[in-house]
Protein backbone atom coordinates (compact mmCIF):
# COMPACT_ATOMS: atom_id res chain seq x y z
CA MET A 1 7.08 11.25 25.44
CA LEU A 2 3.69 9.68 26.16
CA ASP A 3 2.57 12.98 27.68
CA VAL A 4 3.33 14.69 24.36
CA ILE A 5 1.36 12.05 22.46
CA ASN A 6 -1.64 12.13 24.82
CA ASN A 7 -1.72 15.94 24.82
CA LEU A 8 -2.41 15.86 21.07
CA LYS A 9 -5.91 14.57 21.97
CA LEU A 10 -6.35 12.84 18.61
CA SER A 11 -9.83 11.62 17.70
CA VAL A 12 -10.32 8.13 16.25
CA GLY A 13 -9.05 8.15 12.66
CA GLU A 14 -7.09 11.39 13.13
CA SER A 15 -3.33 11.66 12.60
CA ARG A 16 -0.74 14.36 13.25
CA ARG A 17 2.86 15.06 12.26
CA ILE A 18 5.07 16.93 14.77
CA ASP A 19 8.70 17.39 15.80
CA CYS A 20 10.12 14.24 17.35
CA PRO A 21 10.20 14.51 21.18
CA VAL A 22 13.18 12.13 21.29
CA CYS A 23 15.59 13.17 18.51
CA ASN A 24 14.08 16.68 18.10
CA ARG A 25 14.13 16.51 14.30
CA GLN A 26 11.49 18.69 12.70
CA ASN A 27 8.23 17.19 11.41
CA THR A 28 9.43 13.57 11.48
CA PHE A 29 7.20 12.21 14.27
CA SER A 30 3.91 10.68 13.13
CA VAL A 31 1.04 9.87 15.52
CA SER A 32 -2.30 8.35 14.52
CA ASN A 33 -5.35 7.15 16.47
CA GLU A 34 -6.43 3.79 15.05
CA ASP A 35 -9.62 2.73 16.83
CA GLY A 36 -8.38 4.02 20.17
CA VAL A 37 -4.79 2.81 19.81
CA LEU A 38 -2.21 5.57 19.35
CA LEU A 39 0.43 4.44 16.85
CA TYR A 40 3.57 6.56 16.78
CA ASN A 41 6.94 6.51 15.05
CA CYS A 42 9.76 8.78 13.97
CA PHE A 43 10.85 8.13 10.39
CA ALA A 44 14.28 9.78 10.78
CA ALA A 45 16.75 7.04 9.82
CA SER A 46 18.84 7.39 12.99
CA CYS A 47 15.87 7.47 15.39
CA LYS A 48 14.31 4.18 16.49
CA THR A 49 11.34 5.68 18.32
CA ALA A 50 8.15 3.73 17.57
CA GLY A 51 5.35 2.08 19.48
CA GLN A 52 1.73 2.19 20.50
CA SER A 53 -0.37 3.33 23.45
CA ARG A 54 -4.02 2.92 24.38
CA SER A 55 -5.94 6.22 24.40
CA LYS A 56 -9.07 7.13 26.34
CA MET A 57 -12.08 7.24 24.01
CA SER A 58 -14.99 9.53 24.68
CA ALA A 59 -18.49 8.06 25.00
CA ALA A 60 -19.34 9.41 21.54
CA GLU A 61 -16.23 7.82 20.03
CA VAL A 62 -17.01 4.47 21.68
CA HIS A 63 -20.56 4.63 20.27
CA GLN A 64 -19.28 5.45 16.78
CA TYR A 65 -16.63 2.73 16.99
CA MET A 66 -19.18 0.06 17.92
CA ARG A 67 -21.52 1.23 15.17
CA ASN A 68 -18.67 0.98 12.65
CA LEU A 69 -17.98 -2.58 13.77
CA ARG A 70 -21.60 -3.52 13.06
CA GLU A 71 -21.70 -1.88 9.65
CA ASP A 72 -20.89 -3.71 6.44
CA HIS A 73 -17.52 -2.45 5.24
CA ARG A 74 -17.72 -4.02 1.81
CA ASP A 75 -16.27 -1.86 -0.93
CA PRO A 76 -18.73 0.20 -3.01
CA GLU A 77 -20.20 -1.67 -5.97
CA PHE A 78 -18.04 -1.32 -9.07
CA VAL A 79 -19.29 -1.97 -12.59
CA LEU A 80 -16.76 -2.36 -15.39
CA PRO A 81 -17.20 0.52 -17.86
CA ASN A 82 -18.44 -0.50 -21.32
CA TYR A 83 -15.32 1.06 -22.86
CA PHE A 84 -13.09 -1.58 -21.24
CA THR A 85 -11.97 -4.36 -23.59
CA GLN A 86 -9.69 -7.36 -23.21
CA SER A 87 -8.16 -7.06 -26.67
CA HIS A 88 -6.07 -4.25 -28.14
CA PRO A 89 -2.67 -4.30 -29.92
CA ASP A 90 -1.23 -1.68 -27.58
CA LEU A 91 -2.17 -3.81 -24.58
CA GLY A 92 0.04 -6.65 -25.81
CA THR A 93 2.90 -4.24 -26.43
CA PHE A 94 2.53 -2.87 -22.90
CA ALA A 95 2.49 -6.35 -21.34
CA ASP A 96 5.53 -7.43 -23.38
CA ARG A 97 7.47 -4.35 -22.32
CA TRP A 98 7.09 -5.15 -18.63
CA LYS A 99 6.96 -8.96 -19.05
CA ILE A 100 3.66 -9.29 -17.22
CA PRO A 101 0.65 -11.51 -18.14
CA VAL A 102 -1.57 -9.75 -20.67
CA HIS A 103 -4.61 -11.86 -19.71
CA GLU A 104 -4.73 -10.09 -16.34
CA LEU A 105 -5.12 -6.68 -18.01
CA MET A 106 -7.90 -4.77 -19.75
CA PHE A 107 -7.79 -1.79 -22.08
CA ASP A 108 -9.56 1.54 -21.68
CA VAL A 109 -10.49 2.43 -25.26
CA LYS A 110 -11.77 5.88 -24.35
CA ASP A 111 -8.72 7.02 -22.39
CA HIS A 112 -6.10 4.73 -23.97
CA ARG A 113 -4.95 3.06 -20.76
CA ALA A 114 -3.77 -0.34 -19.66
CA VAL A 115 -6.13 -1.28 -16.83
CA PHE A 116 -5.31 -3.35 -13.74
CA LEU A 117 -8.33 -4.82 -11.97
CA ILE A 118 -8.50 -4.58 -8.18
CA ARG A 119 -10.21 -7.55 -6.53
CA ASP A 120 -11.58 -8.59 -3.19
CA GLY A 121 -11.32 -12.33 -3.55
CA HIS A 122 -13.02 -13.06 -6.89
CA ARG A 123 -15.04 -9.85 -6.84
CA ILE A 124 -13.83 -6.87 -8.90
CA VAL A 125 -14.14 -3.81 -6.65
CA ASP A 126 -12.10 -1.19 -8.54
CA ALA A 127 -9.56 -0.62 -11.30
CA VAL A 128 -6.54 1.56 -11.96
CA GLY A 129 -5.28 2.51 -15.41
CA ARG A 130 -1.83 3.50 -16.73
CA THR A 131 -1.87 5.88 -19.69
CA LEU A 132 -0.19 4.65 -22.88
CA ARG A 133 0.16 8.11 -24.40
CA GLU A 134 1.20 11.59 -23.33
CA SER A 135 -1.07 12.65 -20.50
CA PRO A 136 -0.69 14.88 -17.44
CA MET A 137 -2.45 12.14 -15.44
CA LYS A 138 -0.22 9.07 -15.61
CA TRP A 139 -2.48 6.91 -13.41
CA LYS A 140 -6.27 6.95 -13.08
CA ARG A 141 -8.34 5.35 -10.33
CA TYR A 142 -11.78 4.37 -11.65
CA GLY A 143 -13.68 3.53 -8.48
CA ARG A 144 -13.86 4.54 -4.81
CA ALA A 145 -12.67 1.38 -3.06
CA SER A 146 -9.97 1.90 -0.43
CA ARG A 147 -8.23 -1.29 -1.46
CA ILE A 148 -4.68 -2.14 -2.43
CA PHE A 149 -3.84 -3.91 -5.69
CA THR A 150 -2.42 -7.41 -5.33
CA CYS A 151 -0.91 -9.82 -7.85
CA GLY A 152 0.13 -13.33 -6.88
CA HIS A 153 -0.89 -16.17 -4.59
CA SER A 154 1.88 -16.30 -1.98
CA ASP A 155 1.53 -15.55 1.74
CA HIS A 156 4.58 -13.25 1.53
CA ALA A 157 3.66 -9.76 0.32
CA VAL A 158 6.10 -7.30 -1.25
CA VAL A 159 4.74 -3.75 -0.95
CA VAL A 160 5.65 -1.52 -3.92
CA GLU A 161 4.49 1.79 -5.38
CA ASP A 162 2.37 0.97 -8.44
CA ALA A 163 0.43 -1.78 -10.17
CA ILE A 164 3.12 -2.46 -12.80
CA SER A 165 5.73 -3.13 -10.10
CA ALA A 166 3.25 -5.29 -8.15
CA SER A 167 2.57 -7.34 -11.30
CA VAL A 168 6.31 -7.78 -11.90
CA VAL A 169 6.99 -9.23 -8.40
CA PRO A 170 5.37 -12.69 -8.91
CA THR A 171 7.06 -13.01 -12.33
CA ILE A 172 10.42 -12.80 -10.53
CA THR A 173 9.38 -15.61 -8.20
CA SER A 174 5.95 -17.17 -7.64
CA LYS A 175 6.82 -17.38 -3.94
CA LEU A 176 5.98 -13.68 -3.55
CA THR A 177 2.84 -11.58 -4.04
CA GLY A 178 3.13 -8.01 -5.29
CA VAL A 179 1.08 -5.41 -3.42
CA ALA A 180 0.71 -1.82 -4.67
CA LEU A 181 -0.26 1.11 -2.47
CA LEU A 182 -1.15 2.99 -5.68
CA GLY A 183 0.57 6.18 -4.61
CA THR A 184 -1.37 6.66 -1.37
CA SER A 185 -0.24 6.72 2.22
CA LEU A 186 -0.73 3.59 4.29
CA LEU A 187 -4.31 3.62 5.63
CA SER A 188 -5.78 1.56 8.46
CA GLU A 189 -7.80 -0.33 5.81
CA HIS A 190 -4.56 -1.26 4.04
CA ILE A 191 -3.08 -2.61 7.28
CA GLU A 192 -6.12 -4.83 7.77
CA GLN A 193 -5.86 -6.09 4.18
CA LEU A 194 -2.18 -6.92 4.72
CA ARG A 195 -2.96 -9.03 7.79
CA LYS A 196 -3.82 -12.00 5.56
CA PHE A 197 -0.12 -12.30 4.68
CA ALA A 198 2.29 -14.17 6.97
CA THR A 199 5.15 -11.82 6.07
CA VAL A 200 5.36 -8.35 4.52
CA THR A 201 8.41 -6.78 2.87
CA VAL A 202 8.31 -3.08 2.00
CA ALA A 203 10.28 -2.37 -1.20
CA LEU A 204 9.43 1.11 -2.45
CA ASP A 205 11.43 3.13 -4.96
CA PRO A 206 14.84 4.52 -3.85
CA ASP A 207 13.48 8.09 -3.69
CA ALA A 208 10.90 6.97 -1.13
CA ARG A 209 13.22 5.64 1.58
CA ASP A 210 11.65 7.75 4.33
CA LYS A 211 8.24 6.42 3.34
CA THR A 212 9.64 2.87 3.33
CA VAL A 213 10.87 3.26 6.93
CA SER A 214 7.62 4.91 8.06
CA ILE A 215 5.37 2.23 6.52
CA THR A 216 7.50 -0.61 7.86
CA ARG A 217 7.30 0.79 11.39
CA GLN A 218 3.55 1.33 11.08
CA LEU A 219 3.10 -2.31 10.09
CA GLN A 220 5.38 -3.54 12.88
CA THR A 221 3.60 -1.50 15.56
CA SER A 222 0.33 -2.94 14.23
CA GLY A 223 1.60 -6.45 14.92
CA LEU A 224 2.58 -7.52 11.39
CA ALA A 225 5.81 -9.37 10.58
CA ALA A 226 7.25 -6.60 8.40
CA SER A 227 10.72 -5.68 7.16
CA ALA A 228 12.18 -3.40 4.50
CA VAL A 229 14.66 -3.66 1.65
CA SER A 230 16.52 -0.79 0.00
CA LEU A 231 16.27 -1.17 -3.78
CA LYS A 232 18.65 0.50 -6.23
CA ASP A 233 15.81 1.16 -8.68
CA ASP A 234 12.09 0.57 -9.15
CA ILE A 235 11.61 -3.21 -9.21
CA LYS A 236 9.75 -2.96 -12.53
CA TYR A 237 13.11 -2.36 -14.25
CA ARG A 238 14.38 -5.75 -13.04
CA ARG A 239 17.94 -4.76 -12.17
CA THR A 240 19.79 -7.94 -11.20
CA VAL A 241 20.80 -6.61 -7.78
CA ASP A 242 17.17 -5.72 -7.04
CA THR A 243 15.59 -8.95 -8.32
CA GLN A 244 18.08 -10.96 -6.25
CA MET A 245 17.28 -8.86 -3.20
CA ILE A 246 13.56 -9.52 -3.72
CA ILE A 247 14.17 -13.27 -4.12
CA ASN A 248 16.24 -13.30 -0.92
CA THR A 249 13.40 -11.79 1.09
CA ARG A 250 11.53 -15.07 0.70
CA ARG A 251 14.50 -17.01 2.05
CA ALA A 252 14.93 -14.75 5.07
């Protein structure tokens, strides 16, 4: 199997999806080169293949890697648009619907969106907005930061799909922090951001079970204490069976 992985000759930052060399299922085997470490896993439910292997980096890749370590990786500067406001009747209605704190939201007057601010500590580095009217673009990312959205102050993260679900998590129990991938795949930057949590639970929507398994294995092979739960519905809808499952993750 390692011969198959090494023969892909992936550059740093490159990833590839191929047929699994163990279970032979088509297009289920993911391999990525994260700073010279090859992370691999099969996300077929019945296949447990996952792990990591050190790759040989070329001189050019070593040079680039060391230069990247020296560079400042702070997120690009983000300035709140002047059409953001903290007060609008529709914002209160939106917050009441999902039972989330309205004071943590802003309102995009121009595009009629409820806006969730993305922070790095106390610094606002980006924002994502949910439309409150008919629109082909349900969510809008305002900046260019490669950062996940978090809501809560616990050291146990629950990874969900969107910012509404992430905001719902700490209202179920303050012992959990909601983390939203915002519809993207798990990036190496996201893994580094998740390292500040002692425990990570992946709880994506039921129609994303393959993604749940894949992300959980990526986190585990990266050394994080990660596990997954299988929800019956999106956590934002607060089904009793799901909220109890989320609460139990903290006790595990």
